[in-house]
């Protein structure tokens, strides 16, 4: 391989690498523009709204679940040991059977 062929090969490879680099920069720039569009103020507001909606929904759900759990635990306590004469531990059928 003589010097002229080697130089032309190096120039061809350099030109191909430069073209590939330009294509990569164009693709990268397009991704940068897409990313900037993705974080527009309206999109940010939308994401904040979705997160706030989810947080409020989970807060309401957890509050109701906790109240239901607490009321079930309190209703399972035998009241006859605390208030024996008031009939609070009786079911309606037991109250009718006892004549109350």
PDB file of N, CA and C in Angstrom:
ATOM      1  N   UNK A   1       0.862  -1.166   0.000  1.00  0.00           N
ATOM      2  CA  UNK A   1       0.000   0.000   0.000  1.00  0.00           C
ATOM      3  C   UNK A   1       0.913   1.235   0.000  1.00  0.00           C
ATOM      4  N   UNK A   2       0.688   2.081  -0.951  1.00  0.00           N
ATOM      5  CA  UNK A   2       1.523   3.275  -1.027  1.00  0.00           C
ATOM      6  C   UNK A   2       0.921   4.406  -0.194  1.00  0.00           C
ATOM      7  N   UNK A   3       1.645   5.485  -0.095  1.00  0.00           N
ATOM      8  CA  UNK A   3       1.225   6.604   0.753  1.00  0.00           C
ATOM      9  C   UNK A   3      -0.077   7.237   0.280  1.00  0.00           C
ATOM     10  N   UNK A   4      -0.284   7.355  -0.994  1.00  0.00           N
ATOM     11  CA  UNK A   4      -1.489   7.993  -1.530  1.00  0.00           C
ATOM     12  C   UNK A   4      -2.724   7.171  -1.181  1.00  0.00           C
ATOM     13  N   UNK A   5      -2.636   5.860  -1.283  1.00  0.00           N
ATOM     14  CA  UNK A   5      -3.764   4.993  -0.945  1.00  0.00           C
ATOM     15  C   UNK A   5      -4.052   5.049   0.549  1.00  0.00           C
ATOM     16  N   UNK A   6      -3.015   5.060   1.359  1.00  0.00           N
ATOM     17  CA  UNK A   6      -3.193   5.126   2.810  1.00  0.00           C
ATOM     18  C   UNK A   6      -3.832   6.444   3.205  1.00  0.00           C
ATOM     19  N   UNK A   7      -3.385   7.537   2.603  1.00  0.00           N
ATOM     20  CA  UNK A   7      -3.953   8.849   2.929  1.00  0.00           C
ATOM     21  C   UNK A   7      -5.409   8.921   2.508  1.00  0.00           C
ATOM     22  N   UNK A   8      -5.737   8.411   1.332  1.00  0.00           N
ATOM     23  CA  UNK A   8      -7.135   8.455   0.875  1.00  0.00           C
ATOM     24  C   UNK A   8      -8.018   7.568   1.752  1.00  0.00           C
ATOM     25  N   UNK A   9      -7.486   6.447   2.222  1.00  0.00           N
ATOM     26  CA  UNK A   9      -8.253   5.575   3.118  1.00  0.00           C
ATOM     27  C   UNK A   9      -8.500   6.273   4.453  1.00  0.00           C
ATOM     28  N   UNK A  10      -7.481   6.920   4.985  1.00  0.00           N
ATOM     29  CA  UNK A  10      -7.627   7.642   6.253  1.00  0.00           C
ATOM     30  C   UNK A  10      -8.627   8.779   6.101  1.00  0.00           C
ATOM     31  N   UNK A  11      -8.565   9.505   4.978  1.00  0.00           N
ATOM     32  CA  UNK A  11      -9.515  10.588   4.744  1.00  0.00           C
ATOM     33  C   UNK A  11     -10.944  10.059   4.631  1.00  0.00           C
ATOM     34  N   UNK A  12     -11.099   8.915   3.962  1.00  0.00           N
ATOM     35  CA  UNK A  12     -12.439   8.333   3.811  1.00  0.00           C
ATOM     36  C   UNK A  12     -12.996   7.904   5.167  1.00  0.00           C
ATOM     37  N   UNK A  13     -12.137   7.299   5.983  1.00  0.00           N
ATOM     38  CA  UNK A  13     -12.578   6.868   7.314  1.00  0.00           C
ATOM     39  C   UNK A  13     -12.897   8.086   8.176  1.00  0.00           C
ATOM     40  N   UNK A  14     -12.071   9.118   8.117  1.00  0.00           N
ATOM     41  CA  UNK A  14     -12.312  10.339   8.886  1.00  0.00           C
ATOM     42  C   UNK A  14     -13.624  10.985   8.474  1.00  0.00           C
ATOM     43  N   UNK A  15     -13.887  11.015   7.164  1.00  0.00           N
ATOM     44  CA  UNK A  15     -15.137  11.596   6.678  1.00  0.00           C
ATOM     45  C   UNK A  15     -16.343  10.768   7.135  1.00  0.00           C
ATOM     46  N   UNK A  16     -16.219   9.451   7.106  1.00  0.00           N
ATOM     47  CA  UNK A  16     -17.321   8.586   7.549  1.00  0.00           C
ATOM     48  C   UNK A  16     -17.585   8.770   9.043  1.00  0.00           C
ATOM     49  N   UNK A  17     -16.520   8.894   9.829  1.00  0.00           N
ATOM     50  CA  UNK A  17     -16.682   9.102  11.271  1.00  0.00           C
ATOM     51  C   UNK A  17     -17.328  10.456  11.537  1.00  0.00           C
ATOM     52  N   UNK A  18     -16.932  11.479  10.780  1.00  0.00           N
ATOM     53  CA  UNK A  18     -17.513  12.813  10.959  1.00  0.00           C
ATOM     54  C   UNK A  18     -18.997  12.802  10.609  1.00  0.00           C
ATOM     55  N   UNK A  19     -19.369  12.098   9.523  1.00  0.00           N
ATOM     56  CA  UNK A  19     -20.788  12.005   9.159  1.00  0.00           C
ATOM     57  C   UNK A  19     -21.583  11.260  10.230  1.00  0.00           C
ATOM     58  N   UNK A  20     -21.008  10.180  10.739  1.00  0.00           N
ATOM     59  CA  UNK A  20     -21.692   9.432  11.800  1.00  0.00           C
ATOM     60  C   UNK A  20     -21.827  10.285  13.054  1.00  0.00           C
ATOM     61  N   UNK A  21     -20.798  11.075  13.356  1.00  0.00           N
ATOM     62  CA  UNK A  21     -20.850  11.955  14.522  1.00  0.00           C
ATOM     63  C   UNK A  21     -21.922  13.024  14.346  1.00  0.00           C
ATOM     64  N   UNK A  22     -22.036  13.576  13.126  1.00  0.00           N
ATOM     65  CA  UNK A  22     -23.086  14.565  12.855  1.00  0.00           C
ATOM     66  C   UNK A  22     -24.467  13.944  13.014  1.00  0.00           C
ATOM     67  N   UNK A  23     -24.618  12.722  12.523  1.00  0.00           N
ATOM     68  CA  UNK A  23     -25.914  12.046  12.657  1.00  0.00           C
ATOM     69  C   UNK A  23     -26.240  11.798  14.122  1.00  0.00           C
ATOM     70  N   UNK A  24     -25.229  11.436  14.904  1.00  0.00           N
ATOM     71  CA  UNK A  24     -25.448  11.205  16.335  1.00  0.00           C
ATOM     72  C   UNK A  24     -25.834  12.499  17.037  1.00  0.00           C
ATOM     73  N   UNK A  25     -25.181  13.604  16.685  1.00  0.00           N
ATOM     74  CA  UNK A  25     -25.520  14.888  17.296  1.00  0.00           C
ATOM     75  C   UNK A  25     -26.939  15.304  16.956  1.00  0.00           C
ATOM     76  N   UNK A  26     -27.359  15.049  15.716  1.00  0.00           N
ATOM     77  CA  UNK A  26     -28.728  15.384  15.315  1.00  0.00           C
ATOM     78  C   UNK A  26     -29.720  14.574  16.127  1.00  0.00           C
ATOM     79  N   UNK A  27     -29.443  13.284  16.285  1.00  0.00           N
ATOM     80  CA  UNK A  27     -30.330  12.431  17.080  1.00  0.00           C
ATOM     81  C   UNK A  27     -30.351  12.890  18.528  1.00  0.00           C
ATOM     82  N   UNK A  28     -29.181  13.215  19.072  1.00  0.00           N
ATOM     83  CA  UNK A  28     -29.107  13.683  20.452  1.00  0.00           C
ATOM     84  C   UNK A  28     -29.871  14.985  20.617  1.00  0.00           C
ATOM     85  N   UNK A  29     -29.738  15.885  19.656  1.00  0.00           N
ATOM     86  CA  UNK A  29     -30.459  17.150  19.733  1.00  0.00           C
ATOM     87  C   UNK A  29     -31.962  16.922  19.682  1.00  0.00           C
ATOM     88  N   UNK A  30     -32.391  15.972  18.863  1.00  0.00           N
ATOM     89  CA  UNK A  30     -33.824  15.671  18.812  1.00  0.00           C
ATOM     90  C   UNK A  30     -34.300  15.153  20.163  1.00  0.00           C
ATOM     91  N   UNK A  31     -33.494  14.322  20.805  1.00  0.00           N
ATOM     92  CA  UNK A  31     -33.879  13.823  22.130  1.00  0.00           C
ATOM     93  C   UNK A  31     -33.911  14.961  23.148  1.00  0.00           C
ATOM     94  N   UNK A  32     -32.966  15.889  23.021  1.00  0.00           N
ATOM     95  CA  UNK A  32     -32.961  17.046  23.925  1.00  0.00           C
ATOM     96  C   UNK A  32     -34.244  17.849  23.750  1.00  0.00           C
ATOM     97  N   UNK A  33     -34.654  18.065  22.497  1.00  0.00           N
ATOM     98  CA  UNK A  33     -35.886  18.815  22.250  1.00  0.00           C
ATOM     99  C   UNK A  33     -37.097  18.065  22.792  1.00  0.00           C
ATOM    100  N   UNK A  34     -37.104  16.736  22.605  1.00  0.00           N
ATOM    101  CA  UNK A  34     -38.216  15.944  23.143  1.00  0.00           C
ATOM    102  C   UNK A  34     -38.255  16.045  24.660  1.00  0.00           C
ATOM    103  N   UNK A  35     -37.088  16.012  25.280  1.00  0.00           N
ATOM    104  CA  UNK A  35     -37.036  16.097  26.735  1.00  0.00           C
ATOM    105  C   UNK A  35     -37.541  17.456  27.207  1.00  0.00           C
ATOM    106  N   UNK A  36     -37.196  18.508  26.481  1.00  0.00           N
ATOM    107  CA  UNK A  36     -37.676  19.834  26.853  1.00  0.00           C
ATOM    108  C   UNK A  36     -39.187  19.936  26.678  1.00  0.00           C
ATOM    109  N   UNK A  37     -39.724  19.307  25.650  1.00  0.00           N
ATOM    110  CA  UNK A  37     -41.175  19.297  25.468  1.00  0.00           C
ATOM    111  C   UNK A  37     -41.835  18.510  26.597  1.00  0.00           C
ATOM    112  N   UNK A  38     -41.178  17.431  27.010  1.00  0.00           N
ATOM    113  CA  UNK A  38     -41.734  16.556  28.039  1.00  0.00           C
ATOM    114  C   UNK A  38     -41.887  17.300  29.365  1.00  0.00           C
ATOM    115  N   UNK A  39     -40.977  18.237  29.656  1.00  0.00           N
ATOM    116  CA  UNK A  39     -41.025  18.971  30.912  1.00  0.00           C
ATOM    117  C   UNK A  39     -41.643  20.360  30.749  1.00  0.00           C
ATOM    118  N   UNK A  40     -42.608  20.490  29.871  1.00  0.00           N
ATOM    119  CA  UNK A  40     -43.281  21.773  29.721  1.00  0.00           C
ATOM    120  C   UNK A  40     -44.091  22.064  30.985  1.00  0.00           C
ATOM    121  N   UNK A  41     -44.423  23.309  31.256  1.00  0.00           N
ATOM    122  CA  UNK A  41     -45.172  23.651  32.476  1.00  0.00           C
ATOM    123  C   UNK A  41     -46.514  22.933  32.578  1.00  0.00           C
ATOM    124  N   UNK A  42     -47.177  22.747  31.452  1.00  0.00           N
ATOM    125  CA  UNK A  42     -48.458  22.041  31.483  1.00  0.00           C
ATOM    126  C   UNK A  42     -48.270  20.579  31.880  1.00  0.00           C
ATOM    127  N   UNK A  43     -47.202  19.955  31.372  1.00  0.00           N
ATOM    128  CA  UNK A  43     -46.930  18.566  31.732  1.00  0.00           C
ATOM    129  C   UNK A  43     -46.574  18.460  33.212  1.00  0.00           C
ATOM    130  N   UNK A  44     -45.791  19.396  33.710  1.00  0.00           N
ATOM    131  CA  UNK A  44     -45.436  19.383  35.135  1.00  0.00           C
ATOM    132  C   UNK A  44     -46.690  19.542  35.984  1.00  0.00           C
ATOM    133  N   UNK A  45     -47.567  20.450  35.596  1.00  0.00           N
ATOM    134  CA  UNK A  45     -48.822  20.640  36.321  1.00  0.00           C
ATOM    135  C   UNK A  45     -49.664  19.369  36.296  1.00  0.00           C
ATOM    136  N   UNK A  46     -49.675  18.690  35.164  1.00  0.00           N
ATOM    137  CA  UNK A  46     -50.435  17.449  35.046  1.00  0.00           C
ATOM    138  C   UNK A  46     -49.875  16.384  35.999  1.00  0.00           C
ATOM    139  N   UNK A  47     -48.547  16.244  36.027  1.00  0.00           N
ATOM    140  CA  UNK A  47     -47.946  15.250  36.915  1.00  0.00           C
ATOM    141  C   UNK A  47     -48.199  15.585  38.383  1.00  0.00           C
ATOM    142  N   UNK A  48     -48.091  16.844  38.743  1.00  0.00           N
ATOM    143  CA  UNK A  48     -48.370  17.254  40.124  1.00  0.00           C
ATOM    144  C   UNK A  48     -49.823  16.958  40.469  1.00  0.00           C
ATOM    145  N   UNK A  49     -50.726  17.202  39.535  1.00  0.00           N
ATOM    146  CA  UNK A  49     -52.144  16.939  39.758  1.00  0.00           C
ATOM    147  C   UNK A  49     -52.399  15.447  39.964  1.00  0.00           C
ATOM    148  N   UNK A  50     -51.764  14.611  39.161  1.00  0.00           N
ATOM    149  CA  UNK A  50     -51.944  13.159  39.295  1.00  0.00           C
ATOM    150  C   UNK A  50     -51.413  12.684  40.644  1.00  0.00           C
ATOM    151  N   UNK A  51     -50.247  13.170  41.045  1.00  0.00           N
ATOM    152  CA  UNK A  51     -49.664  12.753  42.323  1.00  0.00           C
ATOM    153  C   UNK A  51     -50.527  13.233  43.485  1.00  0.00           C
ATOM    154  N   UNK A  52     -51.042  14.456  43.404  1.00  0.00           N
ATOM    155  CA  UNK A  52     -51.906  14.976  44.476  1.00  0.00           C
ATOM    156  C   UNK A  52     -53.198  14.174  44.554  1.00  0.00           C
ATOM    157  N   UNK A  53     -53.784  13.840  43.419  1.00  0.00           N
ATOM    158  CA  UNK A  53     -55.010  13.038  43.400  1.00  0.00           C
ATOM    159  C   UNK A  53     -54.764  11.676  44.044  1.00  0.00           C
ATOM    160  N   UNK A  54     -53.630  11.055  43.696  1.00  0.00           N
ATOM    161  CA  UNK A  54     -53.299   9.747  44.256  1.00  0.00           C
ATOM    162  C   UNK A  54     -53.094   9.852  45.773  1.00  0.00           C
ATOM    163  N   UNK A  55     -52.408  10.899  46.224  1.00  0.00           N
ATOM    164  CA  UNK A  55     -52.138  11.061  47.655  1.00  0.00           C
ATOM    165  C   UNK A  55     -53.432  11.279  48.431  1.00  0.00           C
ATOM    166  N   UNK A  56     -54.337  12.100  47.909  1.00  0.00           N
ATOM    167  CA  UNK A  56     -55.611  12.341  48.594  1.00  0.00           C
ATOM    168  C   UNK A  56     -56.437  11.062  48.625  1.00  0.00           C
ATOM    169  N   UNK A  57     -56.472  10.340  47.514  1.00  0.00           N
ATOM    170  CA  UNK A  57     -57.236   9.087  47.462  1.00  0.00           C
ATOM    171  C   UNK A  57     -56.686   8.078  48.465  1.00  0.00           C
ATOM    172  N   UNK A  58     -55.371   7.938  48.525  1.00  0.00           N
ATOM    173  CA  UNK A  58     -54.781   6.989  49.470  1.00  0.00           C
ATOM    174  C   UNK A  58     -55.006   7.446  50.913  1.00  0.00           C
ATOM    175  N   UNK A  59     -54.981   8.751  51.150  1.00  0.00           N
ATOM    176  CA  UNK A  59     -55.241   9.262  52.497  1.00  0.00           C
ATOM    177  C   UNK A  59     -56.656   8.968  52.942  1.00  0.00           C
ATOM    178  N   UNK A  60     -57.614   9.180  52.054  1.00  0.00           N
ATOM    179  CA  UNK A  60     -59.011   8.875  52.393  1.00  0.00           C
ATOM    180  C   UNK A  60     -59.182   7.381  52.610  1.00  0.00           C
ATOM    181  N   UNK A  61     -58.603   6.581  51.726  1.00  0.00           N
ATOM    182  CA  UNK A  61     -58.735   5.126  51.852  1.00  0.00           C
ATOM    183  C   UNK A  61     -58.132   4.648  53.174  1.00  0.00           C
ATOM    184  N   UNK A  62     -56.930   5.135  53.510  1.00  0.00           N
ATOM    185  CA  UNK A  62     -56.283   4.703  54.741  1.00  0.00           C
ATOM    186  C   UNK A  62     -57.083   5.145  55.962  1.00  0.00           C
ATOM    187  N   UNK A  63     -57.635   6.356  55.933  1.00  0.00           N
ATOM    188  CA  UNK A  63     -58.434   6.847  57.061  1.00  0.00           C
ATOM    189  C   UNK A  63     -59.662   5.972  57.267  1.00  0.00           C
ATOM    190  N   UNK A  64     -60.368   5.678  56.194  1.00  0.00           N
ATOM    191  CA  UNK A  64     -61.563   4.833  56.317  1.00  0.00           C
ATOM    192  C   UNK A  64     -61.200   3.425  56.766  1.00  0.00           C
ATOM    193  N   UNK A  65     -60.102   2.892  56.227  1.00  0.00           N
ATOM    194  CA  UNK A  65     -59.685   1.543  56.612  1.00  0.00           C
ATOM    195  C   UNK A  65     -59.317   1.504  58.095  1.00  0.00           C
ATOM    196  N   UNK A  66     -58.600   2.534  58.574  1.00  0.00           N
ATOM    197  CA  UNK A  66     -58.182   2.561  59.965  1.00  0.00           C
ATOM    198  C   UNK A  66     -59.386   2.709  60.892  1.00  0.00           C
ATOM    199  N   UNK A  67     -60.354   3.566  60.521  1.00  0.00           N
ATOM    200  CA  UNK A  67     -61.546   3.732  61.353  1.00  0.00           C
ATOM    201  C   UNK A  67     -62.354   2.443  61.400  1.00  0.00           C
ATOM    202  N   UNK A  68     -62.494   1.781  60.257  1.00  0.00           N
ATOM    203  CA  UNK A  68     -63.236   0.520  60.219  1.00  0.00           C
ATOM    204  C   UNK A  68     -62.531  -0.537  61.062  1.00  0.00           C
ATOM    205  N   UNK A  69     -61.213  -0.588  60.964  1.00  0.00           N
ATOM    206  CA  UNK A  69     -60.448  -1.563  61.741  1.00  0.00           C
ATOM    207  C   UNK A  69     -60.602  -1.300  63.238  1.00  0.00           C
ATOM    208  N   UNK A  70     -60.545  -0.010  63.617  1.00  0.00           N
ATOM    209  CA  UNK A  70     -60.669   0.335  65.030  1.00  0.00           C
ATOM    210  C   UNK A  70     -62.077   0.029  65.536  1.00  0.00           C
ATOM    211  N   UNK A  71     -63.100   0.335  64.717  1.00  0.00           N
ATOM    212  CA  UNK A  71     -64.470   0.074  65.165  1.00  0.00           C
ATOM    213  C   UNK A  71     -64.729  -1.427  65.267  1.00  0.00           C
ATOM    214  N   UNK A  72     -64.139  -2.205  64.381  1.00  0.00           N
ATOM    215  CA  UNK A  72     -64.312  -3.665  64.488  1.00  0.00           C
ATOM    216  C   UNK A  72     -63.628  -4.202  65.734  1.00  0.00           C
ATOM    217  N   UNK A  73     -62.454  -3.656  66.046  1.00  0.00           N
ATOM    218  CA  UNK A  73     -61.742  -4.112  67.239  1.00  0.00           C
ATOM    219  C   UNK A  73     -62.528  -3.738  68.495  1.00  0.00           C
ATOM    220  N   UNK A  74     -63.096  -2.526  68.518  1.00  0.00           N
ATOM    221  CA  UNK A  74     -63.856  -2.096  69.690  1.00  0.00           C
ATOM    222  C   UNK A  74     -65.161  -2.862  69.816  1.00  0.00           C
ATOM    223  N   UNK A  75     -65.770  -3.225  68.690  1.00  0.00           N
ATOM    224  CA  UNK A  75     -67.037  -3.949  68.771  1.00  0.00           C
ATOM    225  C   UNK A  75     -66.827  -5.407  69.153  1.00  0.00           C
ATOM    226  N   UNK A  76     -65.605  -5.918  68.993  1.00  0.00           N
ATOM    227  CA  UNK A  76     -65.362  -7.308  69.356  1.00  0.00           C
ATOM    228  C   UNK A  76     -65.084  -7.470  70.848  1.00  0.00           C
ATOM    229  N   UNK A  77     -64.917  -6.365  71.569  1.00  0.00           N
ATOM    230  CA  UNK A  77     -64.689  -6.437  73.009  1.00  0.00           C
ATOM    231  C   UNK A  77     -66.001  -6.815  73.693  1.00  0.00           C
ATOM    232  N   UNK A  78     -65.925  -7.696  74.661  1.00  0.00           N
ATOM    233  CA  UNK A  78     -67.127  -8.125  75.383  1.00  0.00           C
ATOM    234  C   UNK A  78     -67.511  -7.041  76.391  1.00  0.00           C
ATOM    235  N   UNK A  79     -68.625  -6.368  76.130  1.00  0.00           N
ATOM    236  CA  UNK A  79     -69.053  -5.275  77.004  1.00  0.00           C
ATOM    237  C   UNK A  79     -69.694  -5.777  78.295  1.00  0.00           C
ATOM    238  N   UNK A  80     -70.058  -7.031  78.344  1.00  0.00           N
ATOM    239  CA  UNK A  80     -70.741  -7.526  79.542  1.00  0.00           C
ATOM    240  C   UNK A  80     -69.821  -7.495  80.760  1.00  0.00           C
ATOM    241  N   UNK A  81     -68.517  -7.578  80.538  1.00  0.00           N
ATOM    242  CA  UNK A  81     -67.586  -7.515  81.662  1.00  0.00           C
ATOM    243  C   UNK A  81     -67.521  -6.094  82.217  1.00  0.00           C
ATOM    244  N   UNK A  82     -67.730  -5.093  81.375  1.00  0.00           N
ATOM    245  CA  UNK A  82     -67.644  -3.709  81.815  1.00  0.00           C
ATOM    246  C   UNK A  82     -69.005  -3.206  82.280  1.00  0.00           C
ATOM    247  N   UNK A  83     -70.034  -3.470  81.499  1.00  0.00           N
ATOM    248  CA  UNK A  83     -71.389  -3.011  81.810  1.00  0.00           C
ATOM    249  C   UNK A  83     -72.333  -4.222  81.855  1.00  0.00           C
ATOM    250  N   UNK A  84     -72.346  -4.960  82.943  1.00  0.00           N
ATOM    251  CA  UNK A  84     -73.089  -6.220  82.949  1.00  0.00           C
ATOM    252  C   UNK A  84     -74.610  -6.050  82.915  1.00  0.00           C
ATOM    253  N   UNK A  85     -75.155  -4.944  83.409  1.00  0.00           N
ATOM    254  CA  UNK A  85     -76.603  -4.836  83.529  1.00  0.00           C
ATOM    255  C   UNK A  85     -77.262  -4.068  82.389  1.00  0.00           C
ATOM    256  N   UNK A  86     -76.503  -3.609  81.440  1.00  0.00           N
ATOM    257  CA  UNK A  86     -77.093  -2.778  80.393  1.00  0.00           C
ATOM    258  C   UNK A  86     -77.444  -3.567  79.146  1.00  0.00           C
ATOM    259  N   UNK A  87     -77.013  -4.785  79.022  1.00  0.00           N
ATOM    260  CA  UNK A  87     -77.371  -5.605  77.877  1.00  0.00           C
ATOM    261  C   UNK A  87     -76.676  -5.211  76.589  1.00  0.00           C
ATOM    262  N   UNK A  88     -75.555  -4.539  76.679  1.00  0.00           N
ATOM    263  CA  UNK A  88     -74.895  -4.071  75.465  1.00  0.00           C
ATOM    264  C   UNK A  88     -74.228  -5.200  74.698  1.00  0.00           C
ATOM    265  N   UNK A  89     -73.912  -6.305  75.340  1.00  0.00           N
ATOM    266  CA  UNK A  89     -73.258  -7.393  74.637  1.00  0.00           C
ATOM    267  C   UNK A  89     -74.270  -8.337  74.002  1.00  0.00           C
ATOM    268  N   UNK A  90     -75.547  -8.096  74.201  1.00  0.00           N
ATOM    269  CA  UNK A  90     -76.561  -8.990  73.642  1.00  0.00           C
ATOM    270  C   UNK A  90     -76.839  -8.642  72.189  1.00  0.00           C
ATOM    271  N   UNK A  91     -77.102  -9.667  71.420  1.00  0.00           N
ATOM    272  CA  UNK A  91     -77.572  -9.454  70.057  1.00  0.00           C
ATOM    273  C   UNK A  91     -79.074  -9.224  70.120  1.00  0.00           C
ATOM    274  N   UNK A  92     -79.687  -8.708  69.065  1.00  0.00           N
ATOM    275  CA  UNK A  92     -81.138  -8.512  69.090  1.00  0.00           C
ATOM    276  C   UNK A  92     -81.912  -9.801  69.371  1.00  0.00           C
ATOM    277  N   UNK A  93     -81.449 -10.924  68.850  1.00  0.00           N
ATOM    278  CA  UNK A  93     -82.144 -12.199  69.105  1.00  0.00           C
ATOM    279  C   UNK A  93     -82.070 -12.574  70.587  1.00  0.00           C
ATOM    280  N   UNK A  94     -80.909 -12.336  71.207  1.00  0.00           N
ATOM    281  CA  UNK A  94     -80.785 -12.639  72.635  1.00  0.00           C
ATOM    282  C   UNK A  94     -81.667 -11.717  73.464  1.00  0.00           C
ATOM    283  N   UNK A  95     -81.770 -10.455  73.063  1.00  0.00           N
ATOM    284  CA  UNK A  95     -82.608  -9.509  73.799  1.00  0.00           C
ATOM    285  C   UNK A  95     -84.071  -9.917  73.713  1.00  0.00           C
ATOM    286  N   UNK A  96     -84.518 -10.361  72.549  1.00  0.00           N
ATOM    287  CA  UNK A  96     -85.911 -10.819  72.398  1.00  0.00           C
ATOM    288  C   UNK A  96     -86.125 -12.085  73.211  1.00  0.00           C
ATOM    289  N   UNK A  97     -85.149 -12.990  73.202  1.00  0.00           N
ATOM    290  CA  UNK A  97     -85.288 -14.231  73.967  1.00  0.00           C
ATOM    291  C   UNK A  97     -85.332 -13.952  75.462  1.00  0.00           C
ATOM    292  N   UNK A  98     -84.622 -12.930  75.941  1.00  0.00           N
ATOM    293  CA  UNK A  98     -84.625 -12.585  77.362  1.00  0.00           C
ATOM    294  C   UNK A  98     -85.829 -11.738  77.742  1.00  0.00           C
ATOM    295  N   UNK A  99     -86.599 -11.294  76.752  1.00  0.00           N
ATOM    296  CA  UNK A  99     -87.782 -10.498  77.030  1.00  0.00           C
ATOM    297  C   UNK A  99     -87.478  -9.039  77.276  1.00  0.00           C
ATOM    298  N   UNK A 100     -86.413  -8.521  76.752  1.00  0.00           N
ATOM    299  CA  UNK A 100     -86.067  -7.105  76.954  1.00  0.00           C
ATOM    300  C   UNK A 100     -86.641  -6.230  75.878  1.00  0.00           C
TER     301      UNK A 100
END
